[in-house]
Amino acid sequence: MPALKDEESEAHEEVEEAWIAEREKLLEVIEDLELRLDQALCNERELSQLVSEAYSDFPALFPLLLRNVMDEAEENT
């Protein structure tokens, strides 16, 4: 039985490490998109293209990303 618990524990650690790695990648992508959106705010055409890309690539995160950008835009005006 202890061997089974060790295997479960090891499997749990692997899943957790994979989840953390994916989360870190996603956070990097979000940070990059936010930076690109901030830069694109000056260029309407570029902004439109970037918003389309963000929505198609990350539809579930899009509302959060858009809210963050809108909040920053309000702070800067």
PDB file of N, CA and C in Angstrom:
ATOM      1  N   MET A   1       0.801  -1.209   0.000  1.00  0.00           N
ATOM      2  CA  MET A   1       0.000   0.000   0.000  1.00  0.00           C
ATOM      3  C   MET A   1       0.847   1.278   0.000  1.00  0.00           C
ATOM      4  N   PRO A   2       1.957   1.303   0.730  1.00  0.00           N
ATOM      5  CA  PRO A   2       2.774   2.526   0.706  1.00  0.00           C
ATOM      6  C   PRO A   2       3.273   2.867  -0.693  1.00  0.00           C
ATOM      7  N   ALA A   3       3.541   1.838  -1.517  1.00  0.00           N
ATOM      8  CA  ALA A   3       4.002   2.099  -2.879  1.00  0.00           C
ATOM      9  C   ALA A   3       2.917   2.809  -3.684  1.00  0.00           C
ATOM     10  N   LEU A   4       1.672   2.422  -3.475  1.00  0.00           N
ATOM     11  CA  LEU A   4       0.558   3.056  -4.170  1.00  0.00           C
ATOM     12  C   LEU A   4       0.436   4.521  -3.754  1.00  0.00           C
ATOM     13  N   LYS A   5       0.591   4.778  -2.464  1.00  0.00           N
ATOM     14  CA  LYS A   5       0.520   6.161  -1.989  1.00  0.00           C
ATOM     15  C   LYS A   5       1.661   6.988  -2.570  1.00  0.00           C
ATOM     16  N   ASP A   6       2.858   6.376  -2.672  1.00  0.00           N
ATOM     17  CA  ASP A   6       3.986   7.092  -3.266  1.00  0.00           C
ATOM     18  C   ASP A   6       3.710   7.419  -4.724  1.00  0.00           C
ATOM     19  N   GLU A   7       3.131   6.458  -5.458  1.00  0.00           N
ATOM     20  CA  GLU A   7       2.796   6.693  -6.862  1.00  0.00           C
ATOM     21  C   GLU A   7       1.740   7.789  -6.995  1.00  0.00           C
ATOM     22  N   GLU A   8       0.732   7.765  -6.133  1.00  0.00           N
ATOM     23  CA  GLU A   8      -0.308   8.797  -6.156  1.00  0.00           C
ATOM     24  C   GLU A   8       0.288  10.160  -5.838  1.00  0.00           C
ATOM     25  N   SER A   9       1.157  10.184  -4.849  1.00  0.00           N
ATOM     26  CA  SER A   9       1.786  11.432  -4.455  1.00  0.00           C
ATOM     27  C   SER A   9       2.657  11.977  -5.580  1.00  0.00           C
ATOM     28  N   GLU A  10       3.401  11.093  -6.216  1.00  0.00           N
ATOM     29  CA  GLU A  10       4.263  11.496  -7.323  1.00  0.00           C
ATOM     30  C   GLU A  10       3.425  11.993  -8.503  1.00  0.00           C
ATOM     31  N   ALA A  11       2.350  11.284  -8.802  1.00  0.00           N
ATOM     32  CA  ALA A  11       1.466  11.695  -9.894  1.00  0.00           C
ATOM     33  C   ALA A  11       0.842  13.056  -9.586  1.00  0.00           C
ATOM     34  N   HIS A  12       0.444  13.253  -8.339  1.00  0.00           N
ATOM     35  CA  HIS A  12      -0.140  14.528  -7.932  1.00  0.00           C
ATOM     36  C   HIS A  12       0.882  15.654  -8.103  1.00  0.00           C
ATOM     37  N   GLU A  13       2.120  15.404  -7.718  1.00  0.00           N
ATOM     38  CA  GLU A  13       3.167  16.415  -7.860  1.00  0.00           C
ATOM     39  C   GLU A  13       3.405  16.751  -9.329  1.00  0.00           C
ATOM     40  N   GLU A  14       3.398  15.728 -10.196  1.00  0.00           N
ATOM     41  CA  GLU A  14       3.608  15.962 -11.624  1.00  0.00           C
ATOM     42  C   GLU A  14       2.482  16.809 -12.209  1.00  0.00           C
ATOM     43  N   VAL A  15       1.260  16.498 -11.820  1.00  0.00           N
ATOM     44  CA  VAL A  15       0.115  17.275 -12.303  1.00  0.00           C
ATOM     45  C   VAL A  15       0.209  18.711 -11.796  1.00  0.00           C
ATOM     46  N   GLU A  16       0.559  18.870 -10.546  1.00  0.00           N
ATOM     47  CA  GLU A  16       0.676  20.208  -9.967  1.00  0.00           C
ATOM     48  C   GLU A  16       1.781  21.002 -10.664  1.00  0.00           C
ATOM     49  N   GLU A  17       2.919  20.362 -10.919  1.00  0.00           N
ATOM     50  CA  GLU A  17       4.009  21.046 -11.610  1.00  0.00           C
ATOM     51  C   GLU A  17       3.603  21.438 -13.030  1.00  0.00           C
ATOM     52  N   ALA A  18       2.898  20.551 -13.710  1.00  0.00           N
ATOM     53  CA  ALA A  18       2.432  20.851 -15.069  1.00  0.00           C
ATOM     54  C   ALA A  18       1.444  22.013 -15.042  1.00  0.00           C
ATOM     55  N   TRP A  19       0.557  22.021 -14.052  1.00  0.00           N
ATOM     56  CA  TRP A  19      -0.423  23.097 -13.937  1.00  0.00           C
ATOM     57  C   TRP A  19       0.280  24.428 -13.670  1.00  0.00           C
ATOM     58  N   ILE A  20       1.263  24.402 -12.803  1.00  0.00           N
ATOM     59  CA  ILE A  20       2.009  25.626 -12.490  1.00  0.00           C
ATOM     60  C   ILE A  20       2.735  26.136 -13.733  1.00  0.00           C
ATOM     61  N   ALA A  21       3.346  25.225 -14.479  1.00  0.00           N
ATOM     62  CA  ALA A  21       4.047  25.614 -15.704  1.00  0.00           C
ATOM     63  C   ALA A  21       3.074  26.233 -16.713  1.00  0.00           C
ATOM     64  N   GLU A  22       1.913  25.617 -16.888  1.00  0.00           N
ATOM     65  CA  GLU A  22       0.913  26.161 -17.819  1.00  0.00           C
ATOM     66  C   GLU A  22       0.410  27.517 -17.348  1.00  0.00           C
ATOM     67  N   ARG A  23       0.212  27.652 -16.054  1.00  0.00           N
ATOM     68  CA  ARG A  23      -0.264  28.923 -15.491  1.00  0.00           C
ATOM     69  C   ARG A  23       0.777  30.018 -15.731  1.00  0.00           C
ATOM     70  N   GLU A  24       2.050  29.685 -15.528  1.00  0.00           N
ATOM     71  CA  GLU A  24       3.105  30.667 -15.750  1.00  0.00           C
ATOM     72  C   GLU A  24       3.171  31.093 -17.215  1.00  0.00           C
ATOM     73  N   LYS A  25       3.015  30.115 -18.128  1.00  0.00           N
ATOM     74  CA  LYS A  25       2.999  30.447 -19.556  1.00  0.00           C
ATOM     75  C   LYS A  25       1.828  31.364 -19.872  1.00  0.00           C
ATOM     76  N   LEU A  26       0.675  31.041 -19.323  1.00  0.00           N
ATOM     77  CA  LEU A  26      -0.515  31.842 -19.572  1.00  0.00           C
ATOM     78  C   LEU A  26      -0.347  33.253 -19.020  1.00  0.00           C
ATOM     79  N   LEU A  27       0.238  33.378 -17.842  1.00  0.00           N
ATOM     80  CA  LEU A  27       0.481  34.707 -17.277  1.00  0.00           C
ATOM     81  C   LEU A  27       1.428  35.512 -18.158  1.00  0.00           C
ATOM     82  N   GLU A  28       2.434  34.859 -18.720  1.00  0.00           N
ATOM     83  CA  GLU A  28       3.344  35.547 -19.640  1.00  0.00           C
ATOM     84  C   GLU A  28       2.605  36.022 -20.879  1.00  0.00           C
ATOM     85  N   VAL A  29       1.729  35.178 -21.408  1.00  0.00           N
ATOM     86  CA  VAL A  29       0.951  35.552 -22.587  1.00  0.00           C
ATOM     87  C   VAL A  29       0.047  36.736 -22.262  1.00  0.00           C
ATOM     88  N   ILE A  30      -0.591  36.699 -21.107  1.00  0.00           N
ATOM     89  CA  ILE A  30      -1.476  37.794 -20.700  1.00  0.00           C
ATOM     90  C   ILE A  30      -0.682  39.086 -20.545  1.00  0.00           C
ATOM     91  N   GLU A  31       0.476  39.005 -19.909  1.00  0.00           N
ATOM     92  CA  GLU A  31       1.304  40.198 -19.734  1.00  0.00           C
ATOM     93  C   GLU A  31       1.724  40.759 -21.087  1.00  0.00           C
ATOM     94  N   ASP A  32       2.096  39.862 -22.013  1.00  0.00           N
ATOM     95  CA  ASP A  32       2.478  40.303 -23.345  1.00  0.00           C
ATOM     96  C   ASP A  32       1.304  40.974 -24.054  1.00  0.00           C
ATOM     97  N   LEU A  33       0.125  40.359 -23.953  1.00  0.00           N
ATOM     98  CA  LEU A  33      -1.060  40.954 -24.587  1.00  0.00           C
ATOM     99  C   LEU A  33      -1.384  42.308 -23.978  1.00  0.00           C
ATOM    100  N   GLU A  34      -1.281  42.419 -22.674  1.00  0.00           N
ATOM    101  CA  GLU A  34      -1.562  43.703 -22.027  1.00  0.00           C
ATOM    102  C   GLU A  34      -0.571  44.766 -22.481  1.00  0.00           C
ATOM    103  N   LEU A  35       0.695  44.390 -22.591  1.00  0.00           N
ATOM    104  CA  LEU A  35       1.703  45.336 -23.054  1.00  0.00           C
ATOM    105  C   LEU A  35       1.416  45.757 -24.490  1.00  0.00           C
ATOM    106  N   ARG A  36       1.119  44.784 -25.334  1.00  0.00           N
ATOM    107  CA  ARG A  36       0.803  45.089 -26.728  1.00  0.00           C
ATOM    108  C   ARG A  36      -0.467  45.931 -26.832  1.00  0.00           C
ATOM    109  N   LEU A  37      -1.452  45.658 -25.994  1.00  0.00           N
ATOM    110  CA  LEU A  37      -2.676  46.469 -26.018  1.00  0.00           C
ATOM    111  C   LEU A  37      -2.391  47.900 -25.579  1.00  0.00           C
ATOM    112  N   ASP A  38      -1.569  48.059 -24.547  1.00  0.00           N
ATOM    113  CA  ASP A  38      -1.212  49.405 -24.107  1.00  0.00           C
ATOM    114  C   ASP A  38      -0.533  50.179 -25.236  1.00  0.00           C
ATOM    115  N   GLN A  39       0.381  49.502 -25.931  1.00  0.00           N
ATOM    116  CA  GLN A  39       1.087  50.147 -27.031  1.00  0.00           C
ATOM    117  C   GLN A  39       0.142  50.439 -28.193  1.00  0.00           C
ATOM    118  N   ALA A  40      -0.824  49.552 -28.391  1.00  0.00           N
ATOM    119  CA  ALA A  40      -1.730  49.689 -29.533  1.00  0.00           C
ATOM    120  C   ALA A  40      -2.817  50.727 -29.296  1.00  0.00           C
ATOM    121  N   LEU A  41      -2.995  51.172 -28.076  1.00  0.00           N
ATOM    122  CA  LEU A  41      -4.045  52.154 -27.806  1.00  0.00           C
ATOM    123  C   LEU A  41      -3.864  53.415 -28.650  1.00  0.00           C
ATOM    124  N   CYS A  42      -2.641  53.672 -29.056  1.00  0.00           N
ATOM    125  CA  CYS A  42      -2.382  54.850 -29.883  1.00  0.00           C
ATOM    126  C   CYS A  42      -2.725  54.613 -31.343  1.00  0.00           C
ATOM    127  N   ASN A  43      -2.878  53.363 -31.736  1.00  0.00           N
ATOM    128  CA  ASN A  43      -3.106  53.036 -33.132  1.00  0.00           C
ATOM    129  C   ASN A  43      -4.375  52.201 -33.240  1.00  0.00           C
ATOM    130  N   GLU A  44      -5.445  52.799 -33.721  1.00  0.00           N
ATOM    131  CA  GLU A  44      -6.751  52.137 -33.748  1.00  0.00           C
ATOM    132  C   GLU A  44      -6.749  50.857 -34.575  1.00  0.00           C
ATOM    133  N   ARG A  45      -6.089  50.869 -35.707  1.00  0.00           N
ATOM    134  CA  ARG A  45      -6.055  49.685 -36.570  1.00  0.00           C
ATOM    135  C   ARG A  45      -5.312  48.533 -35.885  1.00  0.00           C
ATOM    136  N   GLU A  46      -4.176  48.849 -35.296  1.00  0.00           N
ATOM    137  CA  GLU A  46      -3.400  47.830 -34.583  1.00  0.00           C
ATOM    138  C   GLU A  46      -4.184  47.300 -33.388  1.00  0.00           C
ATOM    139  N   LEU A  47      -4.870  48.184 -32.697  1.00  0.00           N
ATOM    140  CA  LEU A  47      -5.678  47.786 -31.560  1.00  0.00           C
ATOM    141  C   LEU A  47      -6.780  46.830 -31.992  1.00  0.00           C
ATOM    142  N   SER A  48      -7.433  47.137 -33.088  1.00  0.00           N
ATOM    143  CA  SER A  48      -8.498  46.280 -33.594  1.00  0.00           C
ATOM    144  C   SER A  48      -7.970  44.884 -33.924  1.00  0.00           C
ATOM    145  N   GLN A  49      -6.826  44.814 -34.562  1.00  0.00           N
ATOM    146  CA  GLN A  49      -6.215  43.525 -34.909  1.00  0.00           C
ATOM    147  C   GLN A  49      -5.854  42.747 -33.647  1.00  0.00           C
ATOM    148  N   LEU A  50      -5.279  43.416 -32.681  1.00  0.00           N
ATOM    149  CA  LEU A  50      -4.857  42.755 -31.449  1.00  0.00           C
ATOM    150  C   LEU A  50      -6.046  42.250 -30.650  1.00  0.00           C
ATOM    151  N   VAL A  51      -7.106  43.027 -30.604  1.00  0.00           N
ATOM    152  CA  VAL A  51      -8.318  42.600 -29.898  1.00  0.00           C
ATOM    153  C   VAL A  51      -8.892  41.361 -30.569  1.00  0.00           C
ATOM    154  N   SER A  52      -8.901  41.341 -31.889  1.00  0.00           N
ATOM    155  CA  SER A  52      -9.394  40.161 -32.615  1.00  0.00           C
ATOM    156  C   SER A  52      -8.557  38.934 -32.305  1.00  0.00           C
ATOM    157  N   GLU A  53      -7.237  39.092 -32.284  1.00  0.00           N
ATOM    158  CA  GLU A  53      -6.347  37.979 -31.962  1.00  0.00           C
ATOM    159  C   GLU A  53      -6.576  37.489 -30.537  1.00  0.00           C
ATOM    160  N   ALA A  54      -6.677  38.418 -29.613  1.00  0.00           N
ATOM    161  CA  ALA A  54      -6.861  38.040 -28.212  1.00  0.00           C
ATOM    162  C   ALA A  54      -8.170  37.286 -28.021  1.00  0.00           C
ATOM    163  N   TYR A  55      -9.209  37.754 -28.687  1.00  0.00           N
ATOM    164  CA  TYR A  55     -10.500  37.090 -28.544  1.00  0.00           C
ATOM    165  C   TYR A  55     -10.468  35.689 -29.145  1.00  0.00           C
ATOM    166  N   SER A  56      -9.858  35.546 -30.316  1.00  0.00           N
ATOM    167  CA  SER A  56      -9.841  34.217 -30.948  1.00  0.00           C
ATOM    168  C   SER A  56      -8.930  33.253 -30.200  1.00  0.00           C
ATOM    169  N   ASP A  57      -7.835  33.744 -29.629  1.00  0.00           N
ATOM    170  CA  ASP A  57      -6.900  32.872 -28.917  1.00  0.00           C
ATOM    171  C   ASP A  57      -7.344  32.565 -27.491  1.00  0.00           C
ATOM    172  N   PHE A  58      -7.997  33.510 -26.843  1.00  0.00           N
ATOM    173  CA  PHE A  58      -8.334  33.354 -25.429  1.00  0.00           C
ATOM    174  C   PHE A  58      -9.762  33.835 -25.137  1.00  0.00           C
ATOM    175  N   PRO A  59     -10.761  33.199 -25.718  1.00  0.00           N
ATOM    176  CA  PRO A  59     -12.133  33.690 -25.536  1.00  0.00           C
ATOM    177  C   PRO A  59     -12.575  33.701 -24.073  1.00  0.00           C
ATOM    178  N   ALA A  60     -12.123  32.749 -23.280  1.00  0.00           N
ATOM    179  CA  ALA A  60     -12.544  32.704 -21.880  1.00  0.00           C
ATOM    180  C   ALA A  60     -11.904  33.822 -21.064  1.00  0.00           C
ATOM    181  N   LEU A  61     -10.699  34.227 -21.448  1.00  0.00           N
ATOM    182  CA  LEU A  61      -9.991  35.273 -20.700  1.00  0.00           C
ATOM    183  C   LEU A  61     -10.246  36.671 -21.258  1.00  0.00           C
ATOM    184  N   PHE A  62     -10.848  36.732 -22.425  1.00  0.00           N
ATOM    185  CA  PHE A  62     -11.012  38.013 -23.100  1.00  0.00           C
ATOM    186  C   PHE A  62     -11.724  39.069 -22.242  1.00  0.00           C
ATOM    187  N   PRO A  63     -12.847  38.743 -21.597  1.00  0.00           N
ATOM    188  CA  PRO A  63     -13.508  39.784 -20.791  1.00  0.00           C
ATOM    189  C   PRO A  63     -12.604  40.348 -19.690  1.00  0.00           C
ATOM    190  N   LEU A  64     -11.836  39.487 -19.042  1.00  0.00           N
ATOM    191  CA  LEU A  64     -10.928  39.955 -17.994  1.00  0.00           C
ATOM    192  C   LEU A  64      -9.832  40.838 -18.579  1.00  0.00           C
ATOM    193  N   LEU A  65      -9.260  40.397 -19.669  1.00  0.00           N
ATOM    194  CA  LEU A  65      -8.209  41.161 -20.326  1.00  0.00           C
ATOM    195  C   LEU A  65      -8.732  42.523 -20.777  1.00  0.00           C
ATOM    196  N   LEU A  66      -9.899  42.528 -21.389  1.00  0.00           N
ATOM    197  CA  LEU A  66     -10.486  43.776 -21.862  1.00  0.00           C
ATOM    198  C   LEU A  66     -10.796  44.715 -20.692  1.00  0.00           C
ATOM    199  N   ARG A  67     -11.318  44.152 -19.606  1.00  0.00           N
ATOM    200  CA  ARG A  67     -11.614  44.971 -18.426  1.00  0.00           C
ATOM    201  C   ARG A  67     -10.336  45.620 -17.887  1.00  0.00           C
ATOM    202  N   ASN A  68      -9.246  44.852 -17.832  1.00  0.00           N
ATOM    203  CA  ASN A  68      -7.976  45.397 -17.347  1.00  0.00           C
ATOM    204  C   ASN A  68      -7.487  46.542 -18.226  1.00  0.00           C
ATOM    205  N   VAL A  69      -7.584  46.357 -19.531  1.00  0.00           N
ATOM    206  CA  VAL A  69      -7.135  47.395 -20.463  1.00  0.00           C
ATOM    207  C   VAL A  69      -8.016  48.630 -20.346  1.00  0.00           C
ATOM    208  N   MET A  70      -9.313  48.434 -20.244  1.00  0.00           N
ATOM    209  CA  MET A  70     -10.227  49.573 -20.121  1.00  0.00           C
ATOM    210  C   MET A  70      -9.966  50.332 -18.822  1.00  0.00           C
ATOM    211  N   ASP A  71      -9.725  49.605 -17.735  1.00  0.00           N
ATOM    212  CA  ASP A  71      -9.410  50.260 -16.464  1.00  0.00           C
ATOM    213  C   ASP A  71      -8.139  51.094 -16.579  1.00  0.00           C
ATOM    214  N   GLU A  72      -7.122  50.528 -17.238  1.00  0.00           N
ATOM    215  CA  GLU A  72      -5.870  51.263 -17.409  1.00  0.00           C
ATOM    216  C   GLU A  72      -6.076  52.483 -18.298  1.00  0.00           C
ATOM    217  N   ALA A  73      -6.886  52.339 -19.329  1.00  0.00           N
ATOM    218  CA  ALA A  73      -7.147  53.457 -20.228  1.00  0.00           C
ATOM    219  C   ALA A  73      -7.847  54.589 -19.474  1.00  0.00           C
ATOM    220  N   GLU A  74      -8.783  54.229 -18.600  1.00  0.00           N
ATOM    221  CA  GLU A  74      -9.483  55.245 -17.803  1.00  0.00           C
ATOM    222  C   GLU A  74      -8.509  55.962 -16.873  1.00  0.00           C
ATOM    223  N   GLU A  75      -7.576  55.203 -16.285  1.00  0.00           N
ATOM    224  CA  GLU A  75      -6.610  55.809 -15.376  1.00  0.00           C
ATOM    225  C   GLU A  75      -5.682  56.770 -16.105  1.00  0.00           C
ATOM    226  N   ASN A  76      -5.404  56.471 -17.371  1.00  0.00           N
ATOM    227  CA  ASN A  76      -4.465  57.285 -18.144  1.00  0.00           C
ATOM    228  C   ASN A  76      -5.111  58.500 -18.801  1.00  0.00           C
ATOM    229  N   THR A  77      -6.436  58.610 -18.717  1.00  0.00           N
ATOM    230  CA  THR A  77      -7.093  59.763 -19.347  1.00  0.00           C
ATOM    231  C   THR A  77      -7.565  60.752 -18.324  1.00  0.00           C
TER     232      THR A  77
END
